[in-house]
């Protein structure tokens, strides 16, 4: 009688080899994105920037009277209210904390300078603190 064990072992090895080669051929382009999408910086509308400049202009006298420590707390509150009403601005600040300085330098530089003096900070990014 002829033993079938070597034939079984050879058949199993052949099947296993075919399966391994078959699976390695599936690796290429799976159709799934391997890199996460890169976020893009949200753009704050000009109307929103104008509103921010109006808020800063309207509060700068009060903030000066309060003194820098209390004024920074009040500034954070004003920024929170502004970003609650404008979620794009909130996202833009989360993406780039310098955006508040950038838009106020372009739109209302004198108001920005007065705000910085009242808050006693070098830029608005610093005043945002834990915002």
N, C-alpha and C. Protein backbone atom coordinates (compact mmCIF):
# COMPACT_ATOMS: atom_id res chain seq x y z
N UNK A 1 0.82 -1.17 0.00
CA UNK A 1 0.00 0.00 0.00
C UNK A 1 0.88 1.25 0.00
N UNK A 2 0.51 2.27 -0.77
CA UNK A 2 1.27 3.51 -0.90
C UNK A 2 0.76 4.50 0.14
N UNK A 3 1.69 5.14 0.84
CA UNK A 3 1.33 6.11 1.88
C UNK A 3 0.88 7.43 1.24
N UNK A 4 -0.19 8.02 1.74
CA UNK A 4 -0.68 9.28 1.20
C UNK A 4 -0.21 10.48 2.00
N UNK A 5 0.53 10.26 3.05
CA UNK A 5 1.00 11.37 3.89
C UNK A 5 1.91 12.32 3.11
N UNK A 6 2.90 11.85 2.34
CA UNK A 6 3.72 12.80 1.59
C UNK A 6 2.89 13.56 0.56
N UNK A 7 1.90 12.90 -0.07
CA UNK A 7 1.05 13.60 -1.04
C UNK A 7 0.21 14.68 -0.34
N UNK A 8 -0.30 14.34 0.83
CA UNK A 8 -1.07 15.33 1.58
C UNK A 8 -0.20 16.51 1.98
N UNK A 9 0.99 16.23 2.45
CA UNK A 9 1.91 17.30 2.85
C UNK A 9 2.25 18.17 1.66
N UNK A 10 2.50 17.59 0.51
CA UNK A 10 2.83 18.34 -0.70
C UNK A 10 1.63 19.18 -1.15
N UNK A 11 0.45 18.59 -1.09
CA UNK A 11 -0.77 19.32 -1.47
C UNK A 11 -1.04 20.47 -0.52
N UNK A 12 -0.85 20.24 0.77
CA UNK A 12 -1.04 21.30 1.76
C UNK A 12 -0.04 22.43 1.54
N UNK A 13 1.21 22.08 1.30
CA UNK A 13 2.26 23.08 1.05
C UNK A 13 1.93 23.89 -0.19
N UNK A 14 1.46 23.25 -1.24
CA UNK A 14 1.10 23.94 -2.48
C UNK A 14 -0.08 24.88 -2.24
N UNK A 15 -1.07 24.42 -1.50
CA UNK A 15 -2.23 25.26 -1.19
C UNK A 15 -1.83 26.46 -0.34
N UNK A 16 -0.98 26.22 0.66
CA UNK A 16 -0.52 27.30 1.53
C UNK A 16 0.29 28.33 0.73
N UNK A 17 1.16 27.87 -0.14
CA UNK A 17 1.97 28.77 -0.97
C UNK A 17 1.08 29.60 -1.88
N UNK A 18 0.09 29.01 -2.48
CA UNK A 18 -0.82 29.74 -3.36
C UNK A 18 -1.60 30.79 -2.57
N UNK A 19 -2.00 30.45 -1.37
CA UNK A 19 -2.73 31.40 -0.54
C UNK A 19 -1.86 32.59 -0.16
N UNK A 20 -0.61 32.33 0.19
CA UNK A 20 0.30 33.41 0.56
C UNK A 20 0.54 34.32 -0.63
N UNK A 21 0.80 33.76 -1.81
CA UNK A 21 1.02 34.59 -2.99
C UNK A 21 -0.25 35.33 -3.38
N UNK A 22 -1.37 34.72 -3.19
CA UNK A 22 -2.63 35.37 -3.50
C UNK A 22 -2.90 36.56 -2.59
N UNK A 23 -2.58 36.44 -1.32
CA UNK A 23 -2.79 37.54 -0.37
C UNK A 23 -1.81 38.68 -0.59
N UNK A 24 -0.58 38.37 -0.97
CA UNK A 24 0.38 39.45 -1.18
C UNK A 24 0.02 40.27 -2.39
N UNK A 25 -0.70 39.71 -3.32
CA UNK A 25 -1.13 40.47 -4.49
C UNK A 25 -2.23 41.45 -4.17
N UNK A 26 -2.86 41.35 -2.99
CA UNK A 26 -3.96 42.23 -2.62
C UNK A 26 -3.48 43.53 -1.98
N UNK A 27 -2.19 43.66 -1.73
CA UNK A 27 -1.70 44.79 -0.95
C UNK A 27 -1.79 46.13 -1.61
N UNK A 28 -1.51 46.29 -2.86
CA UNK A 28 -1.39 47.56 -3.59
C UNK A 28 -2.38 48.63 -3.21
N UNK A 29 -3.14 49.08 -4.17
CA UNK A 29 -4.10 50.15 -3.97
C UNK A 29 -5.40 49.53 -3.47
N UNK A 30 -5.64 49.69 -2.19
CA UNK A 30 -6.81 49.06 -1.59
C UNK A 30 -8.06 49.90 -1.76
N UNK A 31 -7.91 51.13 -2.24
CA UNK A 31 -9.05 52.01 -2.36
C UNK A 31 -9.28 52.84 -1.11
N UNK A 32 -8.52 52.56 -0.06
CA UNK A 32 -8.63 53.32 1.18
C UNK A 32 -7.55 54.39 1.19
N UNK A 33 -7.88 55.52 1.73
CA UNK A 33 -6.93 56.62 1.82
C UNK A 33 -5.94 56.30 2.95
N UNK A 34 -4.65 56.30 2.63
CA UNK A 34 -3.66 55.95 3.64
C UNK A 34 -3.20 57.18 4.42
N UNK A 35 -3.24 58.35 3.82
CA UNK A 35 -2.86 59.59 4.51
C UNK A 35 -4.13 60.33 4.89
N UNK A 36 -4.20 60.85 6.10
CA UNK A 36 -5.40 61.62 6.47
C UNK A 36 -5.45 62.91 5.66
N UNK A 37 -6.65 63.41 5.38
CA UNK A 37 -6.74 64.66 4.63
C UNK A 37 -6.13 65.80 5.43
N UNK A 38 -5.46 66.70 4.75
CA UNK A 38 -4.84 67.84 5.41
C UNK A 38 -5.89 68.94 5.62
N UNK A 39 -5.97 69.48 6.82
CA UNK A 39 -6.96 70.53 7.07
C UNK A 39 -6.57 71.81 6.33
N UNK A 40 -7.56 72.57 5.98
CA UNK A 40 -7.31 73.86 5.35
C UNK A 40 -7.74 74.95 6.32
N UNK A 41 -7.06 76.06 6.24
CA UNK A 41 -7.34 77.15 7.17
C UNK A 41 -8.68 77.79 6.85
N UNK A 42 -9.58 77.85 7.82
CA UNK A 42 -10.86 78.52 7.60
C UNK A 42 -10.64 80.02 7.38
N UNK A 43 -11.46 80.61 6.57
CA UNK A 43 -11.34 82.03 6.26
C UNK A 43 -12.43 82.80 6.99
N UNK A 44 -12.01 83.76 7.80
CA UNK A 44 -12.96 84.60 8.53
C UNK A 44 -13.49 85.65 7.55
N UNK A 45 -14.79 85.81 7.51
CA UNK A 45 -15.40 86.78 6.59
C UNK A 45 -15.05 88.20 7.00
N UNK A 46 -15.08 89.10 6.02
CA UNK A 46 -14.80 90.51 6.31
C UNK A 46 -15.83 91.08 7.28
N UNK A 47 -17.08 90.66 7.16
CA UNK A 47 -18.11 91.13 8.09
C UNK A 47 -17.78 90.72 9.52
N UNK A 48 -17.27 89.53 9.69
CA UNK A 48 -16.90 89.05 11.02
C UNK A 48 -15.69 89.82 11.56
N UNK A 49 -14.74 90.10 10.70
CA UNK A 49 -13.56 90.88 11.11
C UNK A 49 -14.00 92.29 11.51
N UNK A 50 -14.91 92.88 10.74
CA UNK A 50 -15.43 94.20 11.08
C UNK A 50 -16.14 94.18 12.43
N UNK A 51 -16.87 93.10 12.69
CA UNK A 51 -17.54 92.95 13.99
C UNK A 51 -16.50 92.86 15.11
N UNK A 52 -15.44 92.09 14.89
CA UNK A 52 -14.38 91.99 15.90
C UNK A 52 -13.76 93.35 16.16
N UNK A 53 -13.46 94.10 15.12
CA UNK A 53 -12.87 95.44 15.29
C UNK A 53 -13.83 96.34 16.06
N UNK A 54 -15.13 96.21 15.80
CA UNK A 54 -16.12 96.99 16.53
C UNK A 54 -16.16 96.61 18.01
N UNK A 55 -16.05 95.33 18.30
CA UNK A 55 -16.03 94.87 19.69
C UNK A 55 -14.79 95.44 20.40
N UNK A 56 -13.64 95.32 19.77
CA UNK A 56 -12.40 95.82 20.38
C UNK A 56 -12.47 97.33 20.58
N UNK A 57 -12.98 98.03 19.58
CA UNK A 57 -13.08 99.49 19.67
C UNK A 57 -14.04 99.91 20.78
N UNK A 58 -15.14 99.20 20.89
CA UNK A 58 -16.14 99.54 21.91
C UNK A 58 -15.68 99.25 23.34
N UNK A 59 -14.76 98.31 23.50
CA UNK A 59 -14.34 97.89 24.84
C UNK A 59 -13.00 98.49 25.30
N UNK A 60 -12.23 99.07 24.39
CA UNK A 60 -10.87 99.47 24.76
C UNK A 60 -10.83 100.46 25.93
N UNK A 61 -11.79 101.37 26.01
CA UNK A 61 -11.82 102.32 27.13
C UNK A 61 -12.13 101.61 28.45
N UNK A 62 -13.08 100.70 28.41
CA UNK A 62 -13.43 99.94 29.61
C UNK A 62 -12.25 99.10 30.07
N UNK A 63 -11.59 98.44 29.11
CA UNK A 63 -10.46 97.60 29.44
C UNK A 63 -9.30 98.41 30.02
N UNK A 64 -9.12 99.62 29.51
CA UNK A 64 -8.06 100.49 30.04
C UNK A 64 -8.37 100.86 31.49
N UNK A 65 -9.64 101.16 31.77
CA UNK A 65 -10.05 101.53 33.13
C UNK A 65 -9.95 100.35 34.10
N UNK A 66 -10.16 99.14 33.61
CA UNK A 66 -10.11 97.95 34.47
C UNK A 66 -8.69 97.57 34.87
N UNK A 67 -7.75 97.93 34.05
CA UNK A 67 -6.36 97.50 34.28
C UNK A 67 -6.09 96.22 33.52
N UNK A 68 -4.83 95.96 33.22
CA UNK A 68 -4.48 94.84 32.34
C UNK A 68 -4.94 93.46 32.80
N UNK A 69 -4.81 93.17 34.09
CA UNK A 69 -5.16 91.81 34.55
C UNK A 69 -6.63 91.50 34.36
N UNK A 70 -7.48 92.39 34.78
CA UNK A 70 -8.93 92.19 34.64
C UNK A 70 -9.33 92.35 33.17
N UNK A 71 -8.68 93.27 32.48
CA UNK A 71 -8.99 93.50 31.06
C UNK A 71 -8.72 92.25 30.22
N UNK A 72 -7.68 91.50 30.54
CA UNK A 72 -7.39 90.27 29.80
C UNK A 72 -8.51 89.24 29.99
N UNK A 73 -9.06 89.17 31.18
CA UNK A 73 -10.20 88.27 31.43
C UNK A 73 -11.41 88.74 30.62
N UNK A 74 -11.67 90.04 30.64
CA UNK A 74 -12.79 90.59 29.88
C UNK A 74 -12.58 90.39 28.37
N UNK A 75 -11.34 90.52 27.91
CA UNK A 75 -11.01 90.28 26.51
C UNK A 75 -11.33 88.83 26.13
N UNK A 76 -10.95 87.90 26.97
CA UNK A 76 -11.23 86.49 26.70
C UNK A 76 -12.73 86.26 26.62
N UNK A 77 -13.48 86.90 27.49
CA UNK A 77 -14.94 86.78 27.43
C UNK A 77 -15.51 87.35 26.14
N UNK A 78 -15.00 88.50 25.72
CA UNK A 78 -15.47 89.11 24.47
C UNK A 78 -15.13 88.23 23.27
N UNK A 79 -13.95 87.64 23.28
CA UNK A 79 -13.54 86.75 22.18
C UNK A 79 -14.40 85.49 22.17
N UNK A 80 -14.73 84.99 23.35
CA UNK A 80 -15.58 83.81 23.44
C UNK A 80 -16.95 84.09 22.85
N UNK A 81 -17.53 85.23 23.20
CA UNK A 81 -18.84 85.59 22.65
C UNK A 81 -18.77 85.76 21.13
N UNK A 82 -17.71 86.38 20.65
CA UNK A 82 -17.55 86.57 19.21
C UNK A 82 -17.47 85.23 18.49
N UNK A 83 -16.69 84.30 19.02
CA UNK A 83 -16.51 83.02 18.34
C UNK A 83 -17.72 82.09 18.50
N UNK A 84 -18.50 82.28 19.55
CA UNK A 84 -19.74 81.50 19.68
C UNK A 84 -20.70 81.89 18.56
N UNK A 85 -20.72 83.16 18.23
CA UNK A 85 -21.60 83.64 17.16
C UNK A 85 -21.03 83.37 15.78
N UNK A 86 -19.74 83.13 15.68
CA UNK A 86 -19.11 82.87 14.39
C UNK A 86 -18.21 81.63 14.51
N UNK A 87 -18.77 80.49 14.20
CA UNK A 87 -18.01 79.24 14.37
C UNK A 87 -16.84 79.14 13.40
N UNK A 88 -16.90 79.84 12.27
CA UNK A 88 -15.76 79.85 11.35
C UNK A 88 -14.58 80.56 12.01
N UNK A 89 -14.85 81.67 12.69
CA UNK A 89 -13.79 82.38 13.41
C UNK A 89 -13.21 81.49 14.49
N UNK A 90 -14.06 80.76 15.18
CA UNK A 90 -13.59 79.83 16.22
C UNK A 90 -12.67 78.78 15.61
N UNK A 91 -13.06 78.22 14.48
CA UNK A 91 -12.23 77.22 13.80
C UNK A 91 -10.92 77.83 13.31
N UNK A 92 -11.00 79.06 12.82
CA UNK A 92 -9.79 79.74 12.32
C UNK A 92 -8.79 79.98 13.44
N UNK A 93 -9.27 80.36 14.62
CA UNK A 93 -8.39 80.57 15.77
C UNK A 93 -7.79 79.24 16.22
N UNK A 94 -8.59 78.19 16.21
CA UNK A 94 -8.07 76.87 16.57
C UNK A 94 -6.99 76.42 15.60
N UNK A 95 -7.15 76.76 14.32
CA UNK A 95 -6.19 76.37 13.29
C UNK A 95 -4.92 77.22 13.37
N UNK A 96 -5.09 78.53 13.60
CA UNK A 96 -3.97 79.46 13.59
C UNK A 96 -4.24 80.59 14.57
N UNK A 97 -3.62 80.54 15.73
CA UNK A 97 -3.89 81.54 16.77
C UNK A 97 -3.41 82.93 16.38
N UNK A 98 -2.55 83.05 15.38
CA UNK A 98 -2.09 84.37 14.92
C UNK A 98 -3.12 85.08 14.05
N UNK A 99 -4.18 84.40 13.68
CA UNK A 99 -5.15 84.97 12.75
C UNK A 99 -5.79 86.24 13.29
N UNK A 100 -6.01 86.31 14.59
CA UNK A 100 -6.64 87.51 15.17
C UNK A 100 -5.71 88.71 14.98
N UNK A 101 -4.41 88.52 15.18
CA UNK A 101 -3.46 89.60 14.93
C UNK A 101 -3.44 89.97 13.45
N UNK A 102 -3.41 88.98 12.60
CA UNK A 102 -3.34 89.23 11.17
C UNK A 102 -4.52 90.05 10.67
N UNK A 103 -5.73 89.64 11.03
CA UNK A 103 -6.91 90.35 10.51
C UNK A 103 -7.07 91.74 11.13
N UNK A 104 -6.68 91.90 12.38
CA UNK A 104 -6.81 93.23 12.98
C UNK A 104 -5.71 94.18 12.51
N UNK A 105 -4.53 93.67 12.20
CA UNK A 105 -3.48 94.52 11.61
C UNK A 105 -3.96 95.04 10.27
N UNK A 106 -4.60 94.19 9.48
CA UNK A 106 -5.07 94.58 8.15
C UNK A 106 -6.28 95.50 8.20
N UNK A 107 -7.18 95.29 9.15
CA UNK A 107 -8.47 95.98 9.14
C UNK A 107 -8.54 97.17 10.10
N UNK A 108 -8.02 97.01 11.30
CA UNK A 108 -8.15 98.09 12.30
C UNK A 108 -6.87 98.19 13.15
N UNK A 109 -5.76 98.59 12.54
CA UNK A 109 -4.49 98.60 13.27
C UNK A 109 -4.47 99.53 14.49
N UNK A 110 -5.15 100.66 14.41
CA UNK A 110 -5.15 101.59 15.57
C UNK A 110 -5.93 101.01 16.74
N UNK A 111 -7.05 100.40 16.44
CA UNK A 111 -7.86 99.76 17.49
C UNK A 111 -7.06 98.63 18.11
N UNK A 112 -6.36 97.86 17.28
CA UNK A 112 -5.53 96.76 17.78
C UNK A 112 -4.46 97.29 18.72
N UNK A 113 -3.77 98.34 18.32
CA UNK A 113 -2.71 98.92 19.16
C UNK A 113 -3.27 99.41 20.50
N UNK A 114 -4.42 100.06 20.47
CA UNK A 114 -5.05 100.52 21.72
C UNK A 114 -5.44 99.33 22.60
N UNK A 115 -5.92 98.27 21.99
CA UNK A 115 -6.29 97.06 22.73
C UNK A 115 -5.05 96.44 23.36
N UNK A 116 -3.96 96.35 22.60
CA UNK A 116 -2.71 95.79 23.13
C UNK A 116 -2.22 96.61 24.32
N UNK A 117 -2.32 97.94 24.22
CA UNK A 117 -1.89 98.80 25.32
C UNK A 117 -2.76 98.57 26.56
N UNK A 118 -4.07 98.44 26.36
CA UNK A 118 -4.98 98.22 27.49
C UNK A 118 -4.74 96.87 28.16
N UNK A 119 -4.41 95.88 27.36
CA UNK A 119 -4.20 94.53 27.89
C UNK A 119 -2.76 94.30 28.35
N UNK A 120 -1.87 95.21 27.96
CA UNK A 120 -0.45 95.11 28.28
C UNK A 120 0.14 93.78 27.80
N UNK A 121 -0.07 93.51 26.51
CA UNK A 121 0.46 92.30 25.87
C UNK A 121 1.13 92.69 24.55
N UNK A 122 2.09 91.89 24.06
CA UNK A 122 2.76 92.23 22.81
C UNK A 122 1.93 91.96 21.56
N UNK A 123 1.00 91.01 21.66
CA UNK A 123 0.12 90.71 20.53
C UNK A 123 -1.15 90.05 21.06
N UNK A 124 -2.16 89.96 20.19
CA UNK A 124 -3.44 89.41 20.62
C UNK A 124 -3.38 87.90 20.83
N UNK A 125 -2.44 87.24 20.17
CA UNK A 125 -2.27 85.80 20.38
C UNK A 125 -1.96 85.52 21.84
N UNK A 126 -1.11 86.34 22.44
CA UNK A 126 -0.78 86.19 23.86
C UNK A 126 -2.02 86.45 24.72
N UNK A 127 -2.81 87.46 24.34
CA UNK A 127 -3.99 87.78 25.12
C UNK A 127 -5.05 86.68 25.06
N UNK A 128 -5.00 85.89 23.99
CA UNK A 128 -5.97 84.78 23.88
C UNK A 128 -5.71 83.73 24.95
N UNK A 129 -4.47 83.64 25.41
CA UNK A 129 -4.11 82.73 26.50
C UNK A 129 -4.68 81.34 26.33
N UNK A 130 -5.53 80.94 27.24
CA UNK A 130 -6.10 79.60 27.23
C UNK A 130 -7.36 79.49 26.42
N UNK A 131 -7.61 80.45 25.55
CA UNK A 131 -8.84 80.49 24.74
C UNK A 131 -8.99 79.23 23.95
